[in-house]
Amino acid sequence: MRCFISSLYGSTNIGKIQVLPQAHQKWVYNVENILHIRFPVAAKLTGIELNSYNQEYNVIDLNSVSFLVDLKMKTCSCKHFDIDKMPCVHAIAATRHLARKEGRNANI
């Protein structure tokens, strides 16, 4: 296997350096596009702080459906935040609510 990889890239280390940055840039570009789409939707949602210490929020959707978001554990009851490992619209809305609080400092 190592000979096959070496024949493709000349050296395994050089091949990884040349291939990974392009794949990484494409992945980051896709994530930015997804988050760019989710931000305007999240701006329309209502967030209610349930627990300031654990950073738990109740986010009410446009259809009046309630979602529980835990920013510390990075989970949401819609499960998109858990599965995708990217903030769903509910998590973004909760983060916006957290950022609007005066005197708040939090690493999310």
PDB file of N, CA and C in Angstrom:
ATOM      1  N   MET A   1       0.821  -1.195   0.000  1.00  0.00           N
ATOM      2  CA  MET A   1       0.000   0.000   0.000  1.00  0.00           C
ATOM      3  C   MET A   1       0.865   1.259   0.000  1.00  0.00           C
ATOM      4  N   ARG A   2       1.906   1.247   0.778  1.00  0.00           N
ATOM      5  CA  ARG A   2       2.760   2.416   0.843  1.00  0.00           C
ATOM      6  C   ARG A   2       3.451   2.673  -0.493  1.00  0.00           C
ATOM      7  N   CYS A   3       3.840   1.624  -1.189  1.00  0.00           N
ATOM      8  CA  CYS A   3       4.458   1.791  -2.501  1.00  0.00           C
ATOM      9  C   CYS A   3       3.471   2.392  -3.493  1.00  0.00           C
ATOM     10  N   PHE A   4       2.213   1.986  -3.406  1.00  0.00           N
ATOM     11  CA  PHE A   4       1.189   2.523  -4.297  1.00  0.00           C
ATOM     12  C   PHE A   4       0.983   4.011  -4.052  1.00  0.00           C
ATOM     13  N   ILE A   5       0.906   4.415  -2.783  1.00  0.00           N
ATOM     14  CA  ILE A   5       0.746   5.829  -2.449  1.00  0.00           C
ATOM     15  C   ILE A   5       1.974   6.613  -2.884  1.00  0.00           C
ATOM     16  N   SER A   6       3.165   6.048  -2.648  1.00  0.00           N
ATOM     17  CA  SER A   6       4.391   6.731  -3.049  1.00  0.00           C
ATOM     18  C   SER A   6       4.460   6.907  -4.555  1.00  0.00           C
ATOM     19  N   SER A   7       3.982   5.907  -5.291  1.00  0.00           N
ATOM     20  CA  SER A   7       4.016   6.029  -6.746  1.00  0.00           C
ATOM     21  C   SER A   7       3.055   7.108  -7.236  1.00  0.00           C
ATOM     22  N   LEU A   8       1.943   7.314  -6.531  1.00  0.00           N
ATOM     23  CA  LEU A   8       1.000   8.356  -6.932  1.00  0.00           C
ATOM     24  C   LEU A   8       1.525   9.758  -6.639  1.00  0.00           C
ATOM     25  N   TYR A   9       2.128   9.939  -5.477  1.00  0.00           N
ATOM     26  CA  TYR A   9       2.520  11.270  -5.039  1.00  0.00           C
ATOM     27  C   TYR A   9       4.027  11.484  -4.975  1.00  0.00           C
ATOM     28  N   GLY A  10       4.801  10.470  -5.220  1.00  0.00           N
ATOM     29  CA  GLY A  10       6.249  10.598  -5.142  1.00  0.00           C
ATOM     30  C   GLY A  10       6.736  10.339  -3.733  1.00  0.00           C
ATOM     31  N   SER A  11       6.163  11.012  -2.780  1.00  0.00           N
ATOM     32  CA  SER A  11       6.470  10.812  -1.370  1.00  0.00           C
ATOM     33  C   SER A  11       5.160  10.975  -0.593  1.00  0.00           C
ATOM     34  N   THR A  12       4.960  10.140   0.415  1.00  0.00           N
ATOM     35  CA  THR A  12       3.684  10.198   1.135  1.00  0.00           C
ATOM     36  C   THR A  12       3.511  11.537   1.837  1.00  0.00           C
ATOM     37  N   ASN A  13       4.567  12.092   2.403  1.00  0.00           N
ATOM     38  CA  ASN A  13       4.444  13.366   3.101  1.00  0.00           C
ATOM     39  C   ASN A  13       4.144  14.509   2.140  1.00  0.00           C
ATOM     40  N   ILE A  14       4.847  14.546   1.041  1.00  0.00           N
ATOM     41  CA  ILE A  14       4.622  15.615   0.074  1.00  0.00           C
ATOM     42  C   ILE A  14       3.219  15.497  -0.518  1.00  0.00           C
ATOM     43  N   GLY A  15       2.793  14.278  -0.798  1.00  0.00           N
ATOM     44  CA  GLY A  15       1.459  14.071  -1.365  1.00  0.00           C
ATOM     45  C   GLY A  15       0.368  14.549  -0.427  1.00  0.00           C
ATOM     46  N   LYS A  16       0.503  14.284   0.849  1.00  0.00           N
ATOM     47  CA  LYS A  16      -0.510  14.719   1.809  1.00  0.00           C
ATOM     48  C   LYS A  16      -0.554  16.236   1.897  1.00  0.00           C
ATOM     49  N   ILE A  17       0.585  16.867   1.871  1.00  0.00           N
ATOM     50  CA  ILE A  17       0.631  18.322   1.962  1.00  0.00           C
ATOM     51  C   ILE A  17      -0.017  18.951   0.735  1.00  0.00           C
ATOM     52  N   GLN A  18       0.177  18.369  -0.430  1.00  0.00           N
ATOM     53  CA  GLN A  18      -0.377  18.936  -1.646  1.00  0.00           C
ATOM     54  C   GLN A  18      -1.874  18.663  -1.775  1.00  0.00           C
ATOM     55  N   VAL A  19      -2.346  17.513  -1.301  1.00  0.00           N
ATOM     56  CA  VAL A  19      -3.739  17.136  -1.496  1.00  0.00           C
ATOM     57  C   VAL A  19      -4.646  17.724  -0.419  1.00  0.00           C
ATOM     58  N   LEU A  20      -4.258  17.697   0.830  1.00  0.00           N
ATOM     59  CA  LEU A  20      -5.136  18.114   1.917  1.00  0.00           C
ATOM     60  C   LEU A  20      -5.554  19.581   1.886  1.00  0.00           C
ATOM     61  N   PRO A  21      -4.671  20.524   1.600  1.00  0.00           N
ATOM     62  CA  PRO A  21      -5.140  21.907   1.622  1.00  0.00           C
ATOM     63  C   PRO A  21      -6.281  22.183   0.650  1.00  0.00           C
ATOM     64  N   GLN A  22      -6.262  21.597  -0.542  1.00  0.00           N
ATOM     65  CA  GLN A  22      -7.337  21.820  -1.504  1.00  0.00           C
ATOM     66  C   GLN A  22      -8.647  21.226  -0.989  1.00  0.00           C
ATOM     67  N   ALA A  23      -8.599  20.027  -0.437  1.00  0.00           N
ATOM     68  CA  ALA A  23      -9.799  19.396   0.112  1.00  0.00           C
ATOM     69  C   ALA A  23     -10.307  20.189   1.309  1.00  0.00           C
ATOM     70  N   HIS A  24      -9.397  20.664   2.139  1.00  0.00           N
ATOM     71  CA  HIS A  24      -9.777  21.441   3.320  1.00  0.00           C
ATOM     72  C   HIS A  24     -10.434  22.755   2.912  1.00  0.00           C
ATOM     73  N   GLN A  25      -9.869  23.428   1.908  1.00  0.00           N
ATOM     74  CA  GLN A  25     -10.439  24.696   1.459  1.00  0.00           C
ATOM     75  C   GLN A  25     -11.844  24.496   0.908  1.00  0.00           C
ATOM     76  N   LYS A  26     -12.062  23.417   0.165  1.00  0.00           N
ATOM     77  CA  LYS A  26     -13.384  23.150  -0.391  1.00  0.00           C
ATOM     78  C   LYS A  26     -14.384  22.876   0.722  1.00  0.00           C
ATOM     79  N   TRP A  27     -13.971  22.133   1.754  1.00  0.00           N
ATOM     80  CA  TRP A  27     -14.856  21.821   2.873  1.00  0.00           C
ATOM     81  C   TRP A  27     -15.221  23.084   3.635  1.00  0.00           C
ATOM     82  N   VAL A  28     -14.235  23.939   3.909  1.00  0.00           N
ATOM     83  CA  VAL A  28     -14.486  25.186   4.629  1.00  0.00           C
ATOM     84  C   VAL A  28     -15.415  26.079   3.815  1.00  0.00           C
ATOM     85  N   TYR A  29     -15.227  26.132   2.506  1.00  0.00           N
ATOM     86  CA  TYR A  29     -16.079  26.931   1.639  1.00  0.00           C
ATOM     87  C   TYR A  29     -17.525  26.442   1.720  1.00  0.00           C
ATOM     88  N   ASN A  30     -17.745  25.134   1.737  1.00  0.00           N
ATOM     89  CA  ASN A  30     -19.095  24.578   1.833  1.00  0.00           C
ATOM     90  C   ASN A  30     -19.735  24.903   3.179  1.00  0.00           C
ATOM     91  N   VAL A  31     -18.977  24.813   4.252  1.00  0.00           N
ATOM     92  CA  VAL A  31     -19.495  25.135   5.587  1.00  0.00           C
ATOM     93  C   VAL A  31     -19.886  26.607   5.660  1.00  0.00           C
ATOM     94  N   GLU A  32     -19.053  27.480   5.104  1.00  0.00           N
ATOM     95  CA  GLU A  32     -19.375  28.907   5.104  1.00  0.00           C
ATOM     96  C   GLU A  32     -20.668  29.174   4.341  1.00  0.00           C
ATOM     97  N   ASN A  33     -20.870  28.493   3.235  1.00  0.00           N
ATOM     98  CA  ASN A  33     -22.109  28.674   2.462  1.00  0.00           C
ATOM     99  C   ASN A  33     -23.327  28.219   3.256  1.00  0.00           C
ATOM    100  N   ILE A  34     -23.214  27.100   3.932  1.00  0.00           N
ATOM    101  CA  ILE A  34     -24.329  26.579   4.732  1.00  0.00           C
ATOM    102  C   ILE A  34     -24.665  27.550   5.863  1.00  0.00           C
ATOM    103  N   LEU A  35     -23.639  28.017   6.579  1.00  0.00           N
ATOM    104  CA  LEU A  35     -23.881  28.953   7.683  1.00  0.00           C
ATOM    105  C   LEU A  35     -24.415  30.290   7.170  1.00  0.00           C
ATOM    106  N   HIS A  36     -23.967  30.708   6.007  1.00  0.00           N
ATOM    107  CA  HIS A  36     -24.450  31.952   5.413  1.00  0.00           C
ATOM    108  C   HIS A  36     -25.952  31.872   5.121  1.00  0.00           C
ATOM    109  N   ILE A  37     -26.436  30.709   4.751  1.00  0.00           N
ATOM    110  CA  ILE A  37     -27.861  30.499   4.500  1.00  0.00           C
ATOM    111  C   ILE A  37     -28.646  30.453   5.814  1.00  0.00           C
ATOM    112  N   ARG A  38     -28.056  29.876   6.849  1.00  0.00           N
ATOM    113  CA  ARG A  38     -28.762  29.696   8.121  1.00  0.00           C
ATOM    114  C   ARG A  38     -28.882  30.988   8.932  1.00  0.00           C
ATOM    115  N   PHE A  39     -27.954  31.928   8.768  1.00  0.00           N
ATOM    116  CA  PHE A  39     -27.966  33.140   9.589  1.00  0.00           C
ATOM    117  C   PHE A  39     -29.228  33.984   9.435  1.00  0.00           C
ATOM    118  N   PRO A  40     -29.703  34.283   8.229  1.00  0.00           N
ATOM    119  CA  PRO A  40     -30.927  35.097   8.126  1.00  0.00           C
ATOM    120  C   PRO A  40     -32.151  34.418   8.733  1.00  0.00           C
ATOM    121  N   VAL A  41     -32.217  33.106   8.641  1.00  0.00           N
ATOM    122  CA  VAL A  41     -33.338  32.375   9.239  1.00  0.00           C
ATOM    123  C   VAL A  41     -33.251  32.470  10.760  1.00  0.00           C
ATOM    124  N   ALA A  42     -32.039  32.315  11.298  1.00  0.00           N
ATOM    125  CA  ALA A  42     -31.840  32.370  12.750  1.00  0.00           C
ATOM    126  C   ALA A  42     -32.172  33.747  13.309  1.00  0.00           C
ATOM    127  N   ALA A  43     -31.976  34.783  12.521  1.00  0.00           N
ATOM    128  CA  ALA A  43     -32.260  36.147  12.984  1.00  0.00           C
ATOM    129  C   ALA A  43     -33.750  36.359  13.248  1.00  0.00           C
ATOM    130  N   LYS A  44     -34.597  35.561  12.619  1.00  0.00           N
ATOM    131  CA  LYS A  44     -36.047  35.698  12.785  1.00  0.00           C
ATOM    132  C   LYS A  44     -36.598  34.885  13.957  1.00  0.00           C
ATOM    133  N   LEU A  45     -35.777  34.017  14.555  1.00  0.00           N
ATOM    134  CA  LEU A  45     -36.243  33.143  15.630  1.00  0.00           C
ATOM    135  C   LEU A  45     -36.143  33.841  16.980  1.00  0.00           C
ATOM    136  N   THR A  46     -36.967  33.403  17.912  1.00  0.00           N
ATOM    137  CA  THR A  46     -36.988  33.960  19.261  1.00  0.00           C
ATOM    138  C   THR A  46     -36.255  33.022  20.209  1.00  0.00           C
ATOM    139  N   GLY A  47     -35.326  33.574  20.972  1.00  0.00           N
ATOM    140  CA  GLY A  47     -34.586  32.780  21.950  1.00  0.00           C
ATOM    141  C   GLY A  47     -34.896  33.212  23.361  1.00  0.00           C
ATOM    142  N   ILE A  48     -35.096  32.241  24.245  1.00  0.00           N
ATOM    143  CA  ILE A  48     -35.368  32.503  25.659  1.00  0.00           C
ATOM    144  C   ILE A  48     -34.329  31.759  26.479  1.00  0.00           C
ATOM    145  N   GLU A  49     -33.630  32.493  27.336  1.00  0.00           N
ATOM    146  CA  GLU A  49     -32.600  31.862  28.159  1.00  0.00           C
ATOM    147  C   GLU A  49     -33.255  31.068  29.282  1.00  0.00           C
ATOM    148  N   LEU A  50     -32.891  29.793  29.380  1.00  0.00           N
ATOM    149  CA  LEU A  50     -33.414  28.940  30.443  1.00  0.00           C
ATOM    150  C   LEU A  50     -32.442  28.819  31.602  1.00  0.00           C
ATOM    151  N   ASN A  51     -31.169  28.684  31.290  1.00  0.00           N
ATOM    152  CA  ASN A  51     -30.150  28.488  32.311  1.00  0.00           C
ATOM    153  C   ASN A  51     -28.887  29.201  31.843  1.00  0.00           C
ATOM    154  N   SER A  52     -28.535  30.300  32.494  1.00  0.00           N
ATOM    155  CA  SER A  52     -27.378  31.083  32.054  1.00  0.00           C
ATOM    156  C   SER A  52     -26.055  30.377  32.337  1.00  0.00           C
ATOM    157  N   TYR A  53     -25.978  29.596  33.403  1.00  0.00           N
ATOM    158  CA  TYR A  53     -24.736  28.909  33.736  1.00  0.00           C
ATOM    159  C   TYR A  53     -24.421  27.813  32.716  1.00  0.00           C
ATOM    160  N   ASN A  54     -25.411  27.022  32.362  1.00  0.00           N
ATOM    161  CA  ASN A  54     -25.211  25.933  31.403  1.00  0.00           C
ATOM    162  C   ASN A  54     -25.466  26.354  29.962  1.00  0.00           C
ATOM    163  N   GLN A  55     -25.809  27.611  29.736  1.00  0.00           N
ATOM    164  CA  GLN A  55     -26.079  28.154  28.411  1.00  0.00           C
ATOM    165  C   GLN A  55     -27.147  27.340  27.685  1.00  0.00           C
ATOM    166  N   GLU A  56     -28.281  27.154  28.349  1.00  0.00           N
ATOM    167  CA  GLU A  56     -29.413  26.439  27.768  1.00  0.00           C
ATOM    168  C   GLU A  56     -30.465  27.456  27.336  1.00  0.00           C
ATOM    169  N   TYR A  57     -30.992  27.255  26.142  1.00  0.00           N
ATOM    170  CA  TYR A  57     -31.953  28.190  25.573  1.00  0.00           C
ATOM    171  C   TYR A  57     -33.140  27.438  24.991  1.00  0.00           C
ATOM    172  N   ASN A  58     -34.277  28.085  25.029  1.00  0.00           N
ATOM    173  CA  ASN A  58     -35.461  27.602  24.351  1.00  0.00           C
ATOM    174  C   ASN A  58     -35.643  28.508  23.136  1.00  0.00           C
ATOM    175  N   VAL A  59     -35.555  27.933  21.949  1.00  0.00           N
ATOM    176  CA  VAL A  59     -35.684  28.707  20.714  1.00  0.00           C
ATOM    177  C   VAL A  59     -37.004  28.340  20.062  1.00  0.00           C
ATOM    178  N   ILE A  60     -37.801  29.369  19.775  1.00  0.00           N
ATOM    179  CA  ILE A  60     -39.113  29.156  19.164  1.00  0.00           C
ATOM    180  C   ILE A  60     -39.008  29.425  17.672  1.00  0.00           C
ATOM    181  N   ASP A  61     -39.378  28.417  16.902  1.00  0.00           N
ATOM    182  CA  ASP A  61     -39.297  28.447  15.448  1.00  0.00           C
ATOM    183  C   ASP A  61     -40.391  29.343  14.861  1.00  0.00           C
ATOM    184  N   LEU A  62     -40.320  29.597  13.564  1.00  0.00           N
ATOM    185  CA  LEU A  62     -41.341  30.401  12.883  1.00  0.00           C
ATOM    186  C   LEU A  62     -42.706  29.721  12.889  1.00  0.00           C
ATOM    187  N   ASN A  63     -42.713  28.398  13.043  1.00  0.00           N
ATOM    188  CA  ASN A  63     -43.968  27.638  13.103  1.00  0.00           C
ATOM    189  C   ASN A  63     -44.430  27.423  14.541  1.00  0.00           C
ATOM    190  N   SER A  64     -43.898  28.192  15.477  1.00  0.00           N
ATOM    191  CA  SER A  64     -44.204  28.105  16.911  1.00  0.00           C
ATOM    192  C   SER A  64     -43.821  26.766  17.525  1.00  0.00           C
ATOM    193  N   VAL A  65     -42.814  26.126  16.973  1.00  0.00           N
ATOM    194  CA  VAL A  65     -42.283  24.879  17.528  1.00  0.00           C
ATOM    195  C   VAL A  65     -41.092  25.237  18.402  1.00  0.00           C
ATOM    196  N   SER A  66     -41.025  24.648  19.578  1.00  0.00           N
ATOM    197  CA  SER A  66     -39.984  24.958  20.549  1.00  0.00           C
ATOM    198  C   SER A  66     -38.836  23.942  20.460  1.00  0.00           C
ATOM    199  N   PHE A  67     -37.595  24.443  20.508  1.00  0.00           N
ATOM    200  CA  PHE A  67     -36.407  23.597  20.468  1.00  0.00           C
ATOM    201  C   PHE A  67     -35.510  23.942  21.649  1.00  0.00           C
ATOM    202  N   LEU A  68     -34.970  22.937  22.289  1.00  0.00           N
ATOM    203  CA  LEU A  68     -34.057  23.123  23.411  1.00  0.00           C
ATOM    204  C   LEU A  68     -32.622  23.075  22.887  1.00  0.00           C
ATOM    205  N   VAL A  69     -31.865  24.151  23.125  1.00  0.00           N
ATOM    206  CA  VAL A  69     -30.483  24.253  22.673  1.00  0.00           C
ATOM    207  C   VAL A  69     -29.576  24.342  23.892  1.00  0.00           C
ATOM    208  N   ASP A  70     -28.565  23.505  23.931  1.00  0.00           N
ATOM    209  CA  ASP A  70     -27.549  23.536  24.983  1.00  0.00           C
ATOM    210  C   ASP A  70     -26.227  23.906  24.317  1.00  0.00           C
ATOM    211  N   LEU A  71     -25.806  25.159  24.472  1.00  0.00           N
ATOM    212  CA  LEU A  71     -24.598  25.626  23.802  1.00  0.00           C
ATOM    213  C   LEU A  71     -23.336  25.039  24.407  1.00  0.00           C
ATOM    214  N   LYS A  72     -23.360  24.755  25.697  1.00  0.00           N
ATOM    215  CA  LYS A  72     -22.186  24.170  26.330  1.00  0.00           C
ATOM    216  C   LYS A  72     -21.921  22.749  25.830  1.00  0.00           C
ATOM    217  N   MET A  73     -22.973  21.966  25.701  1.00  0.00           N
ATOM    218  CA  MET A  73     -22.840  20.585  25.231  1.00  0.00           C
ATOM    219  C   MET A  73     -22.934  20.483  23.710  1.00  0.00           C
ATOM    220  N   LYS A  74     -23.242  21.605  23.059  1.00  0.00           N
ATOM    221  CA  LYS A  74     -23.381  21.677  21.603  1.00  0.00           C
ATOM    222  C   LYS A  74     -24.422  20.679  21.091  1.00  0.00           C
ATOM    223  N   THR A  75     -25.624  20.787  21.649  1.00  0.00           N
ATOM    224  CA  THR A  75     -26.728  19.927  21.248  1.00  0.00           C
ATOM    225  C   THR A  75     -27.980  20.760  21.011  1.00  0.00           C
ATOM    226  N   CYS A  76     -28.873  20.210  20.207  1.00  0.00           N
ATOM    227  CA  CYS A  76     -30.172  20.827  19.951  1.00  0.00           C
ATOM    228  C   CYS A  76     -31.186  19.703  19.808  1.00  0.00           C
ATOM    229  N   SER A  77     -32.417  19.969  20.211  1.00  0.00           N
ATOM    230  CA  SER A  77     -33.440  18.926  20.135  1.00  0.00           C
ATOM    231  C   SER A  77     -33.837  18.599  18.699  1.00  0.00           C
ATOM    232  N   CYS A  78     -33.450  19.416  17.727  1.00  0.00           N
ATOM    233  CA  CYS A  78     -33.712  19.079  16.322  1.00  0.00           C
ATOM    234  C   CYS A  78     -32.716  18.039  15.807  1.00  0.00           C
ATOM    235  N   LYS A  79     -31.628  17.830  16.528  1.00  0.00           N
ATOM    236  CA  LYS A  79     -30.575  16.846  16.237  1.00  0.00           C
ATOM    237  C   LYS A  79     -29.645  17.221  15.087  1.00  0.00           C
ATOM    238  N   HIS A  80     -29.887  18.321  14.381  1.00  0.00           N
ATOM    239  CA  HIS A  80     -28.980  18.721  13.296  1.00  0.00           C
ATOM    240  C   HIS A  80     -27.623  19.155  13.848  1.00  0.00           C
ATOM    241  N   PHE A  81     -27.622  19.866  14.968  1.00  0.00           N
ATOM    242  CA  PHE A  81     -26.382  20.309  15.613  1.00  0.00           C
ATOM    243  C   PHE A  81     -25.587  19.094  16.076  1.00  0.00           C
ATOM    244  N   ASP A  82     -26.263  18.072  16.572  1.00  0.00           N
ATOM    245  CA  ASP A  82     -25.595  16.869  17.069  1.00  0.00           C
ATOM    246  C   ASP A  82     -24.985  16.057  15.925  1.00  0.00           C
ATOM    247  N   ILE A  83     -25.720  15.905  14.847  1.00  0.00           N
ATOM    248  CA  ILE A  83     -25.295  15.037  13.748  1.00  0.00           C
ATOM    249  C   ILE A  83     -24.289  15.732  12.838  1.00  0.00           C
ATOM    250  N   ASP A  84     -24.599  16.957  12.403  1.00  0.00           N
ATOM    251  CA  ASP A  84     -23.741  17.670  11.455  1.00  0.00           C
ATOM    252  C   ASP A  84     -22.480  18.244  12.094  1.00  0.00           C
ATOM    253  N   LYS A  85     -22.512  18.462  13.401  1.00  0.00           N
ATOM    254  CA  LYS A  85     -21.431  19.137  14.122  1.00  0.00           C
ATOM    255  C   LYS A  85     -21.238  20.569  13.645  1.00  0.00           C
ATOM    256  N   MET A  86     -22.304  21.120  13.019  1.00  0.00           N
ATOM    257  CA  MET A  86     -22.342  22.525  12.627  1.00  0.00           C
ATOM    258  C   MET A  86     -23.578  23.131  13.280  1.00  0.00           C
ATOM    259  N   PRO A  87     -23.504  24.381  13.694  1.00  0.00           N
ATOM    260  CA  PRO A  87     -24.666  24.984  14.356  1.00  0.00           C
ATOM    261  C   PRO A  87     -25.901  25.010  13.455  1.00  0.00           C
ATOM    262  N   CYS A  88     -27.009  24.528  13.984  1.00  0.00           N
ATOM    263  CA  CYS A  88     -28.285  24.614  13.273  1.00  0.00           C
ATOM    264  C   CYS A  88     -28.831  26.029  13.459  1.00  0.00           C
ATOM    265  N   VAL A  89     -29.945  26.336  12.827  1.00  0.00           N
ATOM    266  CA  VAL A  89     -30.517  27.682  12.948  1.00  0.00           C
ATOM    267  C   VAL A  89     -30.894  27.993  14.391  1.00  0.00           C
ATOM    268  N   HIS A  90     -31.293  26.982  15.144  1.00  0.00           N
ATOM    269  CA  HIS A  90     -31.675  27.192  16.543  1.00  0.00           C
ATOM    270  C   HIS A  90     -30.452  27.533  17.396  1.00  0.00           C
ATOM    271  N   ALA A  91     -29.335  26.856  17.143  1.00  0.00           N
ATOM    272  CA  ALA A  91     -28.102  27.145  17.885  1.00  0.00           C
ATOM    273  C   ALA A  91     -27.575  28.533  17.536  1.00  0.00           C
ATOM    274  N   ILE A  92     -27.696  28.918  16.280  1.00  0.00           N
ATOM    275  CA  ILE A  92     -27.264  30.264  15.878  1.00  0.00           C
ATOM    276  C   ILE A  92     -28.139  31.315  16.553  1.00  0.00           C
ATOM    277  N   ALA A  93     -29.445  31.069  16.618  1.00  0.00           N
ATOM    278  CA  ALA A  93     -30.355  32.005  17.291  1.00  0.00           C
ATOM    279  C   ALA A  93     -30.022  32.115  18.776  1.00  0.00           C
ATOM    280  N   ALA A  94     -29.710  30.993  19.411  1.00  0.00           N
ATOM    281  CA  ALA A  94     -29.332  31.012  20.832  1.00  0.00           C
ATOM    282  C   ALA A  94     -28.016  31.765  21.030  1.00  0.00           C
ATOM    283  N   THR A  95     -27.077  31.586  20.114  1.00  0.00           N
ATOM    284  CA  THR A  95     -25.795  32.284  20.203  1.00  0.00           C
ATOM    285  C   THR A  95     -25.988  33.779  20.019  1.00  0.00           C
ATOM    286  N   ARG A  96     -26.868  34.158  19.111  1.00  0.00           N
ATOM    287  CA  ARG A  96     -27.176  35.583  18.920  1.00  0.00           C
ATOM    288  C   ARG A  96     -27.784  36.170  20.193  1.00  0.00           C
ATOM    289  N   HIS A  97     -28.651  35.411  20.847  1.00  0.00           N
ATOM    290  CA  HIS A  97     -29.261  35.867  22.103  1.00  0.00           C
ATOM    291  C   HIS A  97     -28.189  36.013  23.178  1.00  0.00           C
ATOM    292  N   LEU A  98     -27.272  35.055  23.246  1.00  0.00           N
ATOM    293  CA  LEU A  98     -26.182  35.116  24.220  1.00  0.00           C
ATOM    294  C   LEU A  98     -25.276  36.312  23.950  1.00  0.00           C
ATOM    295  N   ALA A  99     -24.985  36.580  22.697  1.00  0.00           N
ATOM    296  CA  ALA A  99     -24.082  37.680  22.347  1.00  0.00           C
ATOM    297  C   ALA A  99     -24.704  39.044  22.640  1.00  0.00           C
ATOM    298  N   ARG A 100     -26.033  39.139  22.633  1.00  0.00           N
ATOM    299  CA  ARG A 100     -26.711  40.413  22.887  1.00  0.00           C
ATOM    300  C   ARG A 100     -26.741  40.786  24.357  1.00  0.00           C
ATOM    301  N   LYS A 101     -26.511  39.827  25.238  1.00  0.00           N
ATOM    302  CA  LYS A 101     -26.521  40.110  26.671  1.00  0.00           C
ATOM    303  C   LYS A 101     -25.314  40.964  27.041  1.00  0.00           C
ATOM    304  N   GLU A 102     -25.552  42.028  27.784  1.00  0.00           N
ATOM    305  CA  GLU A 102     -24.466  42.882  28.217  1.00  0.00           C
ATOM    306  C   GLU A 102     -23.672  42.207  29.327  1.00  0.00           C
ATOM    307  N   GLY A 103     -22.375  42.405  29.302  1.00  0.00           N
ATOM    308  CA  GLY A 103     -21.514  41.842  30.331  1.00  0.00           C
ATOM    309  C   GLY A 103     -21.298  40.341  30.202  1.00  0.00           C
ATOM    310  N   ARG A 104     -21.628  39.778  29.070  1.00  0.00           N
ATOM    311  CA  ARG A 104     -21.461  38.340  28.870  1.00  0.00           C
ATOM    312  C   ARG A 104     -20.147  38.069  28.164  1.00  0.00           C
ATOM    313  N   ASN A 105     -19.427  37.096  28.666  1.00  0.00           N
ATOM    314  CA  ASN A 105     -18.217  36.592  28.040  1.00  0.00           C
ATOM    315  C   ASN A 105     -18.325  35.087  28.043  1.00  0.00           C
ATOM    316  N   ALA A 106     -18.347  34.489  26.868  1.00  0.00           N
ATOM    317  CA  ALA A 106     -18.470  33.037  26.794  1.00  0.00           C
ATOM    318  C   ALA A 106     -17.736  32.517  25.573  1.00  0.00           C
ATOM    319  N   ASN A 107     -17.089  31.393  25.741  1.00  0.00           N
ATOM    320  CA  ASN A 107     -16.478  30.698  24.623  1.00  0.00           C
ATOM    321  C   ASN A 107     -17.392  29.561  24.221  1.00  0.00           C
ATOM    322  N   ILE A 108     -17.809  29.597  22.981  1.00  0.00           N
ATOM    323  CA  ILE A 108     -18.732  28.571  22.499  1.00  0.00           C
ATOM    324  C   ILE A 108     -18.006  27.690  21.513  1.00  0.00           C
TER     325      ILE A 108
END
